[in-house]
Amino acid sequence: MKHHWVFIAIGVLVGGVCGWFYLSSIGCSSGGCIISAHPLNSTLYGSLMGGLTGSTIHGFIQKRSPNEQQP
């Protein structure tokens, strides 16, 4: 059960960094883009997507591993 939170935390951190990097490298010059117009929005969106991805990856790993017990 603790491994699930580790995957989510890593996903949140990586997603936040990717969201900030997307803003700094591509961004939105006109300011009309809701997500990529502000640093906080892009970082939070990246963190959310990273957390969801980390949770999904943990689910795939748990289904493939025959040694772990399912609750």
Protein backbone atom coordinates (compact mmCIF):
# COMPACT_ATOMS: atom_id res chain seq x y z
CA MET A 1 0.00 0.00 0.00
CA LYS A 2 2.86 2.40 0.75
CA HIS A 3 4.32 1.85 -2.71
CA HIS A 4 1.19 3.35 -4.21
CA TRP A 5 1.88 6.73 -2.59
CA VAL A 6 5.51 6.63 -3.68
CA PHE A 7 4.49 6.27 -7.32
CA ILE A 8 1.99 9.12 -6.98
CA ALA A 9 4.54 11.39 -5.26
CA ILE A 10 7.18 10.74 -7.91
CA GLY A 11 4.59 11.38 -10.61
CA VAL A 12 3.54 14.66 -8.99
CA LEU A 13 7.13 15.87 -8.77
CA VAL A 14 8.04 14.87 -12.31
CA GLY A 15 4.77 16.26 -13.67
CA GLY A 16 5.27 19.58 -11.91
CA VAL A 17 8.77 19.93 -13.33
CA CYS A 18 7.50 19.02 -16.80
CA GLY A 19 4.64 21.54 -16.50
CA TRP A 20 7.04 24.30 -15.52
CA PHE A 21 9.46 23.29 -18.30
CA TYR A 22 6.63 23.36 -20.83
CA LEU A 23 5.74 26.88 -19.74
CA SER A 24 9.31 28.11 -19.92
CA SER A 25 10.12 26.52 -23.28
CA ILE A 26 6.81 26.72 -25.22
CA GLY A 27 4.33 28.67 -23.10
CA CYS A 28 1.66 30.99 -24.44
CA SER A 29 2.79 34.36 -25.74
CA SER A 30 -0.70 35.85 -26.16
CA GLY A 31 -1.83 35.11 -22.59
CA GLY A 32 -5.09 33.58 -23.80
CA CYS A 33 -4.18 30.01 -22.91
CA ILE A 34 -5.69 29.05 -19.57
CA ILE A 35 -3.16 26.41 -18.56
CA SER A 36 0.08 27.67 -20.07
CA ALA A 37 -0.40 31.41 -19.50
CA HIS A 38 0.61 31.34 -15.80
CA PRO A 39 3.40 29.37 -14.09
CA LEU A 40 1.19 28.16 -11.24
CA ASN A 41 -1.48 26.79 -13.58
CA SER A 42 0.96 24.87 -15.76
CA THR A 43 2.83 23.47 -12.76
CA LEU A 44 -0.37 22.35 -11.01
CA TYR A 45 -1.75 20.81 -14.19
CA GLY A 46 1.53 18.96 -14.77
CA SER A 47 1.48 17.75 -11.16
CA LEU A 48 -2.08 16.49 -11.50
CA MET A 49 -1.32 14.63 -14.72
CA GLY A 50 1.90 13.23 -13.23
CA GLY A 51 0.07 11.95 -10.15
CA LEU A 52 -2.57 10.27 -12.27
CA THR A 53 0.12 8.72 -14.47
CA GLY A 54 2.04 7.46 -11.43
CA SER A 55 -1.11 5.88 -10.04
CA THR A 56 -1.85 4.22 -13.37
CA ILE A 57 1.69 2.86 -13.67
CA HIS A 58 1.45 1.41 -10.16
CA GLY A 59 -1.83 -0.28 -11.11
CA PHE A 60 -0.24 -1.90 -14.15
CA ILE A 61 2.76 -3.09 -12.14
CA GLN A 62 0.53 -4.47 -9.37
CA LYS A 63 -1.61 -6.42 -11.85
CA ARG A 64 1.46 -7.98 -13.47
CA SER A 65 3.16 -8.95 -10.20
CA PRO A 66 1.89 -12.38 -9.02
CA ASN A 67 3.68 -12.13 -5.63
CA GLU A 68 1.72 -9.17 -4.24
CA GLN A 69 -1.56 -9.79 -2.50
CA GLN A 70 -4.65 -8.06 -3.77
CA PRO A 71 -6.83 -6.43 -1.05
